[in-house]
Amino acid sequence: MTGIVYKSTGSWYTVKADTNEFFECRIKGKFRIKGIKSTNPIAVGDKVDFDLDTTADVVTGVITNIHERKNYLIRKSVNLSKQVHIIATNIDVLFILVTIDNPVTTTSFIDRLLVTAEAYGIEAVLVFNKVDTFSEETLNDQLYLQYIYDKIGYKCLRVSAAEGKDLDKLKAEMIDKVSMFTGHSGVGKSTLVNALEPGLNLKTKEISEQHQQGQHTTTFAEMYDLSFNAKIIDTPGIRGFGIVDMEPQEVGDYFPEFFKLKDQCKFNNCLHREEPHCAVKDALDADEIAWSRYKSYIQILDGDEDNYRTDAYGNGRNPDVE
């Protein structure tokens, strides 16, 4: 039988068969995906072949094969730095949920997700959530961020799960697609999904008042079928997101506004740092490229994960003292 992995808990996988039936499955032996040293060989979104085991009281399955992936999103494993964790596979659209101050979504975090989406060929859409809570100051911050990313060419939406604002626009972007919502803990992913599909009743928690960080409510990625002909992958909140296996010369190619100027640089292998006659640095000096984007680029080049973060205006903060 063939099906799609809807949930992974590490040892068991919930697979929806082509017959629309769900089966709990295990892996047969060890799967080794060429070129990927991963902590999880099978991820939500994978298309798999499996055999049914009818010898027990409850019918279960054994996964025997993983179909070729269209794409996947990965992040560095928390405990095993040389390995990665596959968050999800075969994604059509990555919706990056952004909040301005409840909690703060840093530009470095946004840019790492965008770079990863570019690298793996996934469309990315920025969703500014909780717009009903904005003060005049946070509204200005949000509009400035939207200006930065809209100018680059990324689609931006402004929504409020609490008030139902522009959820129809979000739904329109999701129809006939496999979507993934991601963002820091507490940005309102589960609340937003519940607003889109009230019958799901995903667990939600409030923001921690002491640290202004969200409490992790989703422990495993899981896919859901929605009533308006869409699929969504809900993921655990991510506090950090490291770029994996990217050569320095590649990084600029995944910043669209840098890539557009690449052929105007004097050197073909320009890293846009100290090289003379660099079109990217010239554009930066002319305020045609956002400083926050350039700082994110330098952080990635330097391998500085989340030790230094920038806000919408490129101002740095040390997260250890936030």
C-alpha atoms as a PDB file:
ATOM      1  CA  MET A   1       0.000   0.000   0.000  1.00  0.00           C
ATOM      2  CA  THR A   2       1.014   3.616  -0.510  1.00  0.00           C
ATOM      3  CA  GLY A   3       0.266   6.596   1.697  1.00  0.00           C
ATOM      4  CA  ILE A   4       1.384   9.902   3.197  1.00  0.00           C
ATOM      5  CA  VAL A   5       2.950  10.262   6.651  1.00  0.00           C
ATOM      6  CA  TYR A   6       0.668  12.513   8.721  1.00  0.00           C
ATOM      7  CA  LYS A   7       2.386  12.207  12.096  1.00  0.00           C
ATOM      8  CA  SER A   8       5.693  11.007  13.476  1.00  0.00           C
ATOM      9  CA  THR A   9       6.388  10.318  17.141  1.00  0.00           C
ATOM     10  CA  GLY A  10       9.836   8.875  16.664  1.00  0.00           C
ATOM     11  CA  SER A  11       9.053   5.172  16.647  1.00  0.00           C
ATOM     12  CA  TRP A  12       5.519   5.135  15.197  1.00  0.00           C
ATOM     13  CA  TYR A  13       4.239   6.852  12.069  1.00  0.00           C
ATOM     14  CA  THR A  14       0.597   7.639  11.276  1.00  0.00           C
ATOM     15  CA  VAL A  15       0.106   7.027   7.560  1.00  0.00           C
ATOM     16  CA  LYS A  16      -2.961   7.960   5.503  1.00  0.00           C
ATOM     17  CA  ALA A  17      -3.319   5.361   2.775  1.00  0.00           C
ATOM     18  CA  ASP A  18      -4.581   6.054  -0.728  1.00  0.00           C
ATOM     19  CA  THR A  19      -7.814   4.437   0.479  1.00  0.00           C
ATOM     20  CA  ASN A  20      -8.189   7.339   2.984  1.00  0.00           C
ATOM     21  CA  GLU A  21      -7.680   4.921   5.898  1.00  0.00           C
ATOM     22  CA  PHE A  22      -5.170   5.712   8.644  1.00  0.00           C
ATOM     23  CA  PHE A  23      -2.659   3.116   9.865  1.00  0.00           C
ATOM     24  CA  GLU A  24      -0.022   3.180  12.598  1.00  0.00           C
ATOM     25  CA  CYS A  25       3.250   2.021  11.052  1.00  0.00           C
ATOM     26  CA  ARG A  26       6.785   1.164  12.070  1.00  0.00           C
ATOM     27  CA  ILE A  27       9.980   1.188  10.013  1.00  0.00           C
ATOM     28  CA  LYS A  28      11.397  -1.993   8.556  1.00  0.00           C
ATOM     29  CA  GLY A  29      15.133  -1.992   9.303  1.00  0.00           C
ATOM     30  CA  LYS A  30      17.165   1.208   8.915  1.00  0.00           C
ATOM     31  CA  PHE A  31      16.554   3.802   6.243  1.00  0.00           C
ATOM     32  CA  ARG A  32      19.510   5.781   4.975  1.00  0.00           C
ATOM     33  CA  ILE A  33      18.660   8.794   2.854  1.00  0.00           C
ATOM     34  CA  LYS A  34      21.560   9.565   0.545  1.00  0.00           C
ATOM     35  CA  GLY A  35      23.419  12.720   1.543  1.00  0.00           C
ATOM     36  CA  ILE A  36      21.414  13.351   4.735  1.00  0.00           C
ATOM     37  CA  LYS A  37      22.650  12.463   8.216  1.00  0.00           C
ATOM     38  CA  SER A  38      19.326  12.806   9.960  1.00  0.00           C
ATOM     39  CA  THR A  39      18.005  11.961  13.397  1.00  0.00           C
ATOM     40  CA  ASN A  40      14.686  10.981  11.771  1.00  0.00           C
ATOM     41  CA  PRO A  41      14.717   8.947   8.553  1.00  0.00           C
ATOM     42  CA  ILE A  42      10.995   9.483   7.893  1.00  0.00           C
ATOM     43  CA  ALA A  43       9.170  12.776   8.322  1.00  0.00           C
ATOM     44  CA  VAL A  44       5.674  14.197   8.036  1.00  0.00           C
ATOM     45  CA  GLY A  45       4.817  14.708   4.377  1.00  0.00           C
ATOM     46  CA  ASP A  46       6.770  11.693   3.132  1.00  0.00           C
ATOM     47  CA  LYS A  47       5.093   9.432   0.596  1.00  0.00           C
ATOM     48  CA  VAL A  48       5.792   5.845   1.626  1.00  0.00           C
ATOM     49  CA  ASP A  49       5.044   2.259   0.701  1.00  0.00           C
ATOM     50  CA  PHE A  50       3.981  -0.061   3.530  1.00  0.00           C
ATOM     51  CA  ASP A  51       2.762  -3.580   4.153  1.00  0.00           C
ATOM     52  CA  LEU A  52      -0.030  -4.400   6.574  1.00  0.00           C
ATOM     53  CA  ASP A  53       0.626  -6.719   9.480  1.00  0.00           C
ATOM     54  CA  THR A  54      -2.663  -8.474  10.269  1.00  0.00           C
ATOM     55  CA  THR A  55      -1.262 -11.034  12.697  1.00  0.00           C
ATOM     56  CA  ALA A  56      -1.939  -8.922  15.804  1.00  0.00           C
ATOM     57  CA  ASP A  57      -5.281  -7.886  17.276  1.00  0.00           C
ATOM     58  CA  VAL A  58      -4.801  -4.362  15.917  1.00  0.00           C
ATOM     59  CA  VAL A  59      -3.797  -4.013  12.250  1.00  0.00           C
ATOM     60  CA  THR A  60      -0.559  -2.048  11.868  1.00  0.00           C
ATOM     61  CA  GLY A  61       1.817  -1.399   9.001  1.00  0.00           C
ATOM     62  CA  VAL A  62       5.502  -1.765   8.213  1.00  0.00           C
ATOM     63  CA  ILE A  63       7.058   0.970   6.056  1.00  0.00           C
ATOM     64  CA  THR A  64       9.257  -0.558   3.366  1.00  0.00           C
ATOM     65  CA  ASN A  65      10.108   2.362   1.074  1.00  0.00           C
ATOM     66  CA  ILE A  66      10.228   6.177   0.964  1.00  0.00           C
ATOM     67  CA  HIS A  67       9.403   7.867  -2.340  1.00  0.00           C
ATOM     68  CA  GLU A  68      11.690  10.587  -3.686  1.00  0.00           C
ATOM     69  CA  ARG A  69      11.080  13.915  -1.958  1.00  0.00           C
ATOM     70  CA  LYS A  70      10.185  17.093  -3.822  1.00  0.00           C
ATOM     71  CA  ASN A  71      11.790  19.119  -1.028  1.00  0.00           C
ATOM     72  CA  TYR A  72      12.245  19.154   2.724  1.00  0.00           C
ATOM     73  CA  LEU A  73      12.947  21.543   5.581  1.00  0.00           C
ATOM     74  CA  ILE A  74      15.691  20.704   8.041  1.00  0.00           C
ATOM     75  CA  ARG A  75      17.291  22.220  11.093  1.00  0.00           C
ATOM     76  CA  LYS A  76      20.308  21.277  13.138  1.00  0.00           C
ATOM     77  CA  SER A  77      19.736  18.657  15.798  1.00  0.00           C
ATOM     78  CA  VAL A  78      19.750  20.192  19.258  1.00  0.00           C
ATOM     79  CA  ASN A  79      22.088  17.627  20.810  1.00  0.00           C
ATOM     80  CA  LEU A  80      23.941  16.188  17.820  1.00  0.00           C
ATOM     81  CA  SER A  81      25.568  19.061  15.959  1.00  0.00           C
ATOM     82  CA  LYS A  82      26.709  16.888  13.057  1.00  0.00           C
ATOM     83  CA  GLN A  83      23.211  15.648  12.413  1.00  0.00           C
ATOM     84  CA  VAL A  84      20.050  17.373  11.271  1.00  0.00           C
ATOM     85  CA  HIS A  85      16.373  16.968  12.019  1.00  0.00           C
ATOM     86  CA  ILE A  86      13.957  16.873   9.084  1.00  0.00           C
ATOM     87  CA  ILE A  87      10.980  19.017  10.082  1.00  0.00           C
ATOM     88  CA  ALA A  88       8.714  18.118   7.150  1.00  0.00           C
ATOM     89  CA  THR A  89       8.836  17.127   3.474  1.00  0.00           C
ATOM     90  CA  ASN A  90       7.021  17.790   0.187  1.00  0.00           C
ATOM     91  CA  ILE A  91       5.879  21.272   1.176  1.00  0.00           C
ATOM     92  CA  ASP A  92       4.187  23.618  -1.309  1.00  0.00           C
ATOM     93  CA  VAL A  93       4.128  26.799   0.801  1.00  0.00           C
ATOM     94  CA  LEU A  94       5.975  27.776   3.984  1.00  0.00           C
ATOM     95  CA  PHE A  95       4.009  30.326   6.005  1.00  0.00           C
ATOM     96  CA  ILE A  96       6.337  32.146   8.401  1.00  0.00           C
ATOM     97  CA  LEU A  97       4.307  33.563  11.272  1.00  0.00           C
ATOM     98  CA  VAL A  98       5.718  36.840  12.545  1.00  0.00           C
ATOM     99  CA  THR A  99       4.782  38.794  15.670  1.00  0.00           C
ATOM    100  CA  ILE A 100       6.311  42.137  16.566  1.00  0.00           C
ATOM    101  CA  ASP A 101       6.446  42.072  20.366  1.00  0.00           C
ATOM    102  CA  ASN A 102       4.274  39.247  21.654  1.00  0.00           C
ATOM    103  CA  PRO A 103       6.786  37.554  21.360  1.00  0.00           C
ATOM    104  CA  VAL A 104       9.467  39.327  19.297  1.00  0.00           C
ATOM    105  CA  THR A 105      10.243  37.662  15.966  1.00  0.00           C
ATOM    106  CA  THR A 106      13.770  38.624  15.004  1.00  0.00           C
ATOM    107  CA  THR A 107      14.794  39.466  11.454  1.00  0.00           C
ATOM    108  CA  SER A 108      17.671  37.001  11.735  1.00  0.00           C
ATOM    109  CA  PHE A 109      15.158  34.217  12.388  1.00  0.00           C
ATOM    110  CA  ILE A 110      12.940  35.303   9.488  1.00  0.00           C
ATOM    111  CA  ASP A 111      15.910  35.504   7.143  1.00  0.00           C
ATOM    112  CA  ARG A 112      17.238  32.070   8.096  1.00  0.00           C
ATOM    113  CA  LEU A 113      13.865  30.542   7.278  1.00  0.00           C
ATOM    114  CA  LEU A 114      13.673  32.464   4.006  1.00  0.00           C
ATOM    115  CA  VAL A 115      17.197  31.413   3.003  1.00  0.00           C
ATOM    116  CA  THR A 116      16.381  27.787   3.788  1.00  0.00           C
ATOM    117  CA  ALA A 117      13.122  27.992   1.801  1.00  0.00           C
ATOM    118  CA  GLU A 118      14.995  29.505  -1.159  1.00  0.00           C
ATOM    119  CA  ALA A 119      17.655  26.792  -0.964  1.00  0.00           C
ATOM    120  CA  TYR A 120      15.107  23.980  -1.004  1.00  0.00           C
ATOM    121  CA  GLY A 121      12.754  25.508  -3.577  1.00  0.00           C
ATOM    122  CA  ILE A 122       9.809  26.193  -1.277  1.00  0.00           C
ATOM    123  CA  GLU A 123       7.558  29.215  -1.713  1.00  0.00           C
ATOM    124  CA  ALA A 124       7.607  31.370   1.420  1.00  0.00           C
ATOM    125  CA  VAL A 125       4.883  33.749   2.629  1.00  0.00           C
ATOM    126  CA  LEU A 126       5.215  36.053   5.643  1.00  0.00           C
ATOM    127  CA  VAL A 127       2.121  36.162   7.862  1.00  0.00           C
ATOM    128  CA  PHE A 128       2.078  39.031  10.341  1.00  0.00           C
ATOM    129  CA  ASN A 129      -0.175  37.771  13.122  1.00  0.00           C
ATOM    130  CA  LYS A 130      -1.944  39.444  16.081  1.00  0.00           C
ATOM    131  CA  VAL A 131      -2.438  42.729  14.204  1.00  0.00           C
ATOM    132  CA  ASP A 132      -5.405  43.422  16.504  1.00  0.00           C
ATOM    133  CA  THR A 133      -2.964  43.939  19.403  1.00  0.00           C
ATOM    134  CA  PHE A 134      -0.771  46.554  17.704  1.00  0.00           C
ATOM    135  CA  SER A 135      -0.021  49.901  19.268  1.00  0.00           C
ATOM    136  CA  GLU A 136       1.014  52.790  17.026  1.00  0.00           C
ATOM    137  CA  GLU A 137       4.682  51.881  17.595  1.00  0.00           C
ATOM    138  CA  THR A 138       4.317  48.179  16.856  1.00  0.00           C
ATOM    139  CA  LEU A 139       2.188  48.986  13.810  1.00  0.00           C
ATOM    140  CA  ASN A 140       5.000  51.144  12.459  1.00  0.00           C
ATOM    141  CA  ASP A 141       7.505  48.344  13.103  1.00  0.00           C
ATOM    142  CA  GLN A 142       5.272  45.832  11.334  1.00  0.00           C
ATOM    143  CA  LEU A 143       4.686  48.055   8.315  1.00  0.00           C
ATOM    144  CA  TYR A 144       8.416  48.679   8.015  1.00  0.00           C
ATOM    145  CA  LEU A 145       9.142  44.950   8.073  1.00  0.00           C
ATOM    146  CA  GLN A 146       6.429  44.393   5.490  1.00  0.00           C
ATOM    147  CA  TYR A 147       7.974  47.113   3.314  1.00  0.00           C
ATOM    148  CA  ILE A 148      11.388  45.379   3.469  1.00  0.00           C
ATOM    149  CA  TYR A 149      10.128  41.955   2.435  1.00  0.00           C
ATOM    150  CA  ASP A 150       7.491  43.131  -0.020  1.00  0.00           C
ATOM    151  CA  LYS A 151      10.188  45.114  -1.848  1.00  0.00           C
ATOM    152  CA  ILE A 152      12.279  41.943  -2.171  1.00  0.00           C
ATOM    153  CA  GLY A 153       9.313  40.121  -3.663  1.00  0.00           C
ATOM    154  CA  TYR A 154       7.957  38.064  -0.769  1.00  0.00           C
ATOM    155  CA  LYS A 155       4.205  37.906  -0.326  1.00  0.00           C
ATOM    156  CA  CYS A 156       3.053  39.352   3.005  1.00  0.00           C
ATOM    157  CA  LEU A 157      -0.275  38.940   4.784  1.00  0.00           C
ATOM    158  CA  ARG A 158      -1.637  40.705   7.878  1.00  0.00           C
ATOM    159  CA  VAL A 159      -4.039  38.615   9.951  1.00  0.00           C
ATOM    160  CA  SER A 160      -5.689  38.328  13.326  1.00  0.00           C
ATOM    161  CA  ALA A 161      -6.861  34.931  14.492  1.00  0.00           C
ATOM    162  CA  ALA A 162      -8.718  36.549  17.405  1.00  0.00           C
ATOM    163  CA  GLU A 163     -10.778  38.835  15.156  1.00  0.00           C
ATOM    164  CA  GLY A 164     -10.774  36.693  12.008  1.00  0.00           C
ATOM    165  CA  LYS A 165      -9.127  39.477  10.023  1.00  0.00           C
ATOM    166  CA  ASP A 166      -8.186  38.512   6.445  1.00  0.00           C
ATOM    167  CA  LEU A 167      -8.302  34.781   7.120  1.00  0.00           C
ATOM    168  CA  ASP A 168     -10.012  34.439   3.729  1.00  0.00           C
ATOM    169  CA  LYS A 169      -6.851  35.761   2.060  1.00  0.00           C
ATOM    170  CA  LEU A 170      -4.771  33.222   3.957  1.00  0.00           C
ATOM    171  CA  LYS A 171      -7.137  30.399   2.990  1.00  0.00           C
ATOM    172  CA  ALA A 172      -6.896  31.419  -0.666  1.00  0.00           C
ATOM    173  CA  GLU A 173      -3.121  30.912  -0.535  1.00  0.00           C
ATOM    174  CA  MET A 174      -3.580  27.418   0.939  1.00  0.00           C
ATOM    175  CA  ILE A 175      -6.167  25.823  -1.373  1.00  0.00           C
ATOM    176  CA  ASP A 176      -4.935  22.693  -3.204  1.00  0.00           C
ATOM    177  CA  LYS A 177      -1.572  22.932  -1.428  1.00  0.00           C
ATOM    178  CA  VAL A 178       0.389  21.354   1.409  1.00  0.00           C
ATOM    179  CA  SER A 179       1.175  24.267   3.711  1.00  0.00           C
ATOM    180  CA  MET A 180       3.452  24.456   6.701  1.00  0.00           C
ATOM    181  CA  PHE A 181       3.130  27.030   9.474  1.00  0.00           C
ATOM    182  CA  THR A 182       6.280  27.837  11.382  1.00  0.00           C
ATOM    183  CA  GLY A 183       7.607  30.513  13.691  1.00  0.00           C
ATOM    184  CA  HIS A 184       8.823  31.120  17.220  1.00  0.00           C
ATOM    185  CA  SER A 185       6.903  29.572  20.094  1.00  0.00           C
ATOM    186  CA  GLY A 186       3.973  31.799  21.020  1.00  0.00           C
ATOM    187  CA  VAL A 187       3.360  33.481  17.661  1.00  0.00           C
ATOM    188  CA  GLY A 188      -0.090  31.891  17.541  1.00  0.00           C
ATOM    189  CA  LYS A 189       0.290  29.034  15.059  1.00  0.00           C
ATOM    190  CA  SER A 190      -2.192  26.704  16.755  1.00  0.00           C
ATOM    191  CA  THR A 191      -4.658  29.532  17.433  1.00  0.00           C
ATOM    192  CA  LEU A 192      -4.503  30.545  13.788  1.00  0.00           C
ATOM    193  CA  VAL A 193      -5.034  26.990  12.562  1.00  0.00           C
ATOM    194  CA  ASN A 194      -8.020  26.673  14.917  1.00  0.00           C
ATOM    195  CA  ALA A 195      -9.442  29.896  13.467  1.00  0.00           C
ATOM    196  CA  LEU A 196      -9.039  28.511   9.943  1.00  0.00           C
ATOM    197  CA  GLU A 197     -10.541  25.145  10.908  1.00  0.00           C
ATOM    198  CA  PRO A 198     -12.386  25.388  14.265  1.00  0.00           C
ATOM    199  CA  GLY A 199     -13.087  21.657  14.423  1.00  0.00           C
ATOM    200  CA  LEU A 200      -9.420  20.777  14.883  1.00  0.00           C
ATOM    201  CA  ASN A 201      -9.200  22.168  18.430  1.00  0.00           C
ATOM    202  CA  LEU A 202      -5.391  22.266  18.522  1.00  0.00           C
ATOM    203  CA  LYS A 203      -3.950  22.916  21.957  1.00  0.00           C
ATOM    204  CA  THR A 204      -2.908  26.488  22.663  1.00  0.00           C
ATOM    205  CA  LYS A 205      -1.167  28.204  25.564  1.00  0.00           C
ATOM    206  CA  GLU A 206      -0.683  31.775  26.608  1.00  0.00           C
ATOM    207  CA  ILE A 207       2.549  33.715  26.385  1.00  0.00           C
ATOM    208  CA  SER A 208       4.755  33.479  29.453  1.00  0.00           C
ATOM    209  CA  GLU A 209       4.457  36.907  31.072  1.00  0.00           C
ATOM    210  CA  GLN A 210       7.838  36.603  32.754  1.00  0.00           C
ATOM    211  CA  HIS A 211       9.883  35.874  29.653  1.00  0.00           C
ATOM    212  CA  GLN A 212       7.478  36.912  26.872  1.00  0.00           C
ATOM    213  CA  GLN A 213       8.077  33.581  25.184  1.00  0.00           C
ATOM    214  CA  GLY A 214       5.556  31.056  24.045  1.00  0.00           C
ATOM    215  CA  GLN A 215       5.142  27.736  25.744  1.00  0.00           C
ATOM    216  CA  HIS A 216       5.724  24.762  23.457  1.00  0.00           C
ATOM    217  CA  THR A 217       2.291  23.258  22.761  1.00  0.00           C
ATOM    218  CA  THR A 218       3.090  21.139  19.706  1.00  0.00           C
ATOM    219  CA  THR A 219       5.633  18.417  20.433  1.00  0.00           C
ATOM    220  CA  PHE A 220       5.608  16.676  17.052  1.00  0.00           C
ATOM    221  CA  ALA A 221       4.917  17.860  13.531  1.00  0.00           C
ATOM    222  CA  GLU A 222       1.523  16.716  12.291  1.00  0.00           C
ATOM    223  CA  MET A 223      -0.432  17.087   9.055  1.00  0.00           C
ATOM    224  CA  TYR A 224      -4.150  17.843   8.960  1.00  0.00           C
ATOM    225  CA  ASP A 225      -6.748  17.757   6.172  1.00  0.00           C
ATOM    226  CA  LEU A 226      -8.754  20.975   6.092  1.00  0.00           C
ATOM    227  CA  SER A 227     -12.352  21.384   4.919  1.00  0.00           C
ATOM    228  CA  PHE A 228     -11.452  23.895   2.177  1.00  0.00           C
ATOM    229  CA  ASN A 229      -9.345  21.403   0.185  1.00  0.00           C
ATOM    230  CA  ALA A 230      -6.009  22.115   1.808  1.00  0.00           C
ATOM    231  CA  LYS A 231      -3.483  20.317   3.969  1.00  0.00           C
ATOM    232  CA  ILE A 232      -1.492  21.908   6.763  1.00  0.00           C
ATOM    233  CA  ILE A 233       1.558  20.765   8.686  1.00  0.00           C
ATOM    234  CA  ASP A 234       1.622  22.116  12.233  1.00  0.00           C
ATOM    235  CA  THR A 235       5.098  22.155  13.774  1.00  0.00           C
ATOM    236  CA  PRO A 236       6.641  22.726  17.194  1.00  0.00           C
ATOM    237  CA  GLY A 237       7.643  26.310  17.905  1.00  0.00           C
ATOM    238  CA  ILE A 238      11.236  26.948  16.894  1.00  0.00           C
ATOM    239  CA  ARG A 239      13.426  29.273  18.963  1.00  0.00           C
ATOM    240  CA  GLY A 240      16.528  28.879  16.815  1.00  0.00           C
ATOM    241  CA  PHE A 241      17.061  27.898  13.220  1.00  0.00           C
ATOM    242  CA  GLY A 242      20.538  27.057  11.932  1.00  0.00           C
ATOM    243  CA  ILE A 243      21.574  27.025   8.294  1.00  0.00           C
ATOM    244  CA  VAL A 244      22.796  23.571   7.329  1.00  0.00           C
ATOM    245  CA  ASP A 245      25.536  22.589   4.855  1.00  0.00           C
ATOM    246  CA  MET A 246      25.730  25.791   2.827  1.00  0.00           C
ATOM    247  CA  GLU A 247      28.965  27.011   1.242  1.00  0.00           C
ATOM    248  CA  PRO A 248      29.834  30.705   1.784  1.00  0.00           C
ATOM    249  CA  GLN A 249      29.640  31.393  -1.960  1.00  0.00           C
ATOM    250  CA  GLU A 250      26.091  29.994  -2.020  1.00  0.00           C
ATOM    251  CA  VAL A 251      24.563  32.084   0.745  1.00  0.00           C
ATOM    252  CA  GLY A 252      24.181  35.306  -1.264  1.00  0.00           C
ATOM    253  CA  ASP A 253      22.319  33.415  -4.000  1.00  0.00           C
ATOM    254  CA  TYR A 254      19.497  32.758  -1.532  1.00  0.00           C
ATOM    255  CA  PHE A 255      19.049  36.471  -0.795  1.00  0.00           C
ATOM    256  CA  PRO A 256      17.087  37.448  -3.958  1.00  0.00           C
ATOM    257  CA  GLU A 257      18.049  41.120  -3.757  1.00  0.00           C
ATOM    258  CA  PHE A 258      21.747  40.145  -3.526  1.00  0.00           C
ATOM    259  CA  PHE A 259      21.513  37.581  -6.324  1.00  0.00           C
ATOM    260  CA  LYS A 260      19.991  40.184  -8.645  1.00  0.00           C
ATOM    261  CA  LEU A 261      23.143  42.320  -8.291  1.00  0.00           C
ATOM    262  CA  LYS A 262      25.671  39.469  -8.366  1.00  0.00           C
ATOM    263  CA  ASP A 263      26.727  39.921 -11.994  1.00  0.00           C
ATOM    264  CA  GLN A 264      27.481  43.605 -11.342  1.00  0.00           C
ATOM    265  CA  CYS A 265      30.167  42.807  -8.749  1.00  0.00           C
ATOM    266  CA  LYS A 266      33.787  42.988  -9.967  1.00  0.00           C
ATOM    267  CA  PHE A 267      34.578  39.460  -8.771  1.00  0.00           C
ATOM    268  CA  ASN A 268      32.524  36.395  -9.684  1.00  0.00           C
ATOM    269  CA  ASN A 269      33.082  34.903  -6.221  1.00  0.00           C
ATOM    270  CA  CYS A 270      32.376  38.150  -4.356  1.00  0.00           C
ATOM    271  CA  LEU A 271      31.235  37.549  -0.771  1.00  0.00           C
ATOM    272  CA  HIS A 272      30.032  41.167  -0.472  1.00  0.00           C
ATOM    273  CA  ARG A 273      32.320  41.901   2.462  1.00  0.00           C
ATOM    274  CA  GLU A 274      35.637  43.676   1.875  1.00  0.00           C
ATOM    275  CA  GLU A 275      35.888  43.186  -1.884  1.00  0.00           C
ATOM    276  CA  PRO A 276      36.195  46.365  -4.022  1.00  0.00           C
ATOM    277  CA  HIS A 277      33.504  47.364  -6.515  1.00  0.00           C
ATOM    278  CA  CYS A 278      30.811  45.265  -4.839  1.00  0.00           C
ATOM    279  CA  ALA A 279      27.334  46.038  -6.197  1.00  0.00           C
ATOM    280  CA  VAL A 280      25.676  44.696  -3.041  1.00  0.00           C
ATOM    281  CA  LYS A 281      27.721  46.976  -0.753  1.00  0.00           C
ATOM    282  CA  ASP A 282      26.999  49.923  -3.076  1.00  0.00           C
ATOM    283  CA  ALA A 283      23.268  49.160  -2.889  1.00  0.00           C
ATOM    284  CA  LEU A 284      23.545  48.885   0.882  1.00  0.00           C
ATOM    285  CA  ASP A 285      25.190  52.293   1.128  1.00  0.00           C
ATOM    286  CA  ALA A 286      22.430  53.712  -1.074  1.00  0.00           C
ATOM    287  CA  ASP A 287      19.747  52.245   1.247  1.00  0.00           C
ATOM    288  CA  GLU A 288      18.498  50.025  -1.557  1.00  0.00           C
ATOM    289  CA  ILE A 289      19.138  46.932   0.587  1.00  0.00           C
ATOM    290  CA  ALA A 290      17.989  46.708   4.203  1.00  0.00           C
ATOM    291  CA  TRP A 291      20.737  46.676   6.813  1.00  0.00           C
ATOM    292  CA  SER A 292      18.903  43.995   8.764  1.00  0.00           C
ATOM    293  CA  ARG A 293      19.110  41.699   5.737  1.00  0.00           C
ATOM    294  CA  TYR A 294      22.813  42.365   5.285  1.00  0.00           C
ATOM    295  CA  LYS A 295      23.486  41.694   8.962  1.00  0.00           C
ATOM    296  CA  SER A 296      21.580  38.399   8.709  1.00  0.00           C
ATOM    297  CA  TYR A 297      23.725  37.515   5.705  1.00  0.00           C
ATOM    298  CA  ILE A 298      26.971  38.247   7.590  1.00  0.00           C
ATOM    299  CA  GLN A 299      25.755  36.229  10.600  1.00  0.00           C
ATOM    300  CA  ILE A 300      25.119  33.235   8.360  1.00  0.00           C
ATOM    301  CA  LEU A 301      28.538  33.583   6.740  1.00  0.00           C
ATOM    302  CA  ASP A 302      30.175  33.749  10.170  1.00  0.00           C
ATOM    303  CA  GLY A 303      28.219  30.764  11.437  1.00  0.00           C
ATOM    304  CA  ASP A 304      26.738  32.902  14.217  1.00  0.00           C
ATOM    305  CA  GLU A 305      23.500  31.070  14.925  1.00  0.00           C
ATOM    306  CA  ASP A 306      21.394  33.170  17.264  1.00  0.00           C
ATOM    307  CA  ASN A 307      23.978  34.821  19.500  1.00  0.00           C
ATOM    308  CA  TYR A 308      23.298  38.161  17.904  1.00  0.00           C
ATOM    309  CA  ARG A 309      19.895  39.240  16.704  1.00  0.00           C
ATOM    310  CA  THR A 310      18.507  42.274  14.972  1.00  0.00           C
ATOM    311  CA  ASP A 311      15.148  43.963  15.100  1.00  0.00           C
ATOM    312  CA  ALA A 312      13.301  45.525  12.172  1.00  0.00           C
ATOM    313  CA  TYR A 313      15.736  48.412  12.034  1.00  0.00           C
ATOM    314  CA  GLY A 314      18.918  46.348  12.279  1.00  0.00           C
ATOM    315  CA  ASN A 315      19.542  47.170  15.934  1.00  0.00           C
ATOM    316  CA  GLY A 316      21.332  44.375  17.762  1.00  0.00           C
ATOM    317  CA  ARG A 317      20.312  42.679  20.978  1.00  0.00           C
ATOM    318  CA  ASN A 318      21.901  39.921  22.995  1.00  0.00           C
ATOM    319  CA  PRO A 319      19.224  37.264  23.575  1.00  0.00           C
ATOM    320  CA  ASP A 320      21.020  36.094  26.712  1.00  0.00           C
ATOM    321  CA  VAL A 321      20.007  39.279  28.489  1.00  0.00           C
ATOM    322  CA  GLU A 322      16.540  39.697  26.982  1.00  0.00           C
END
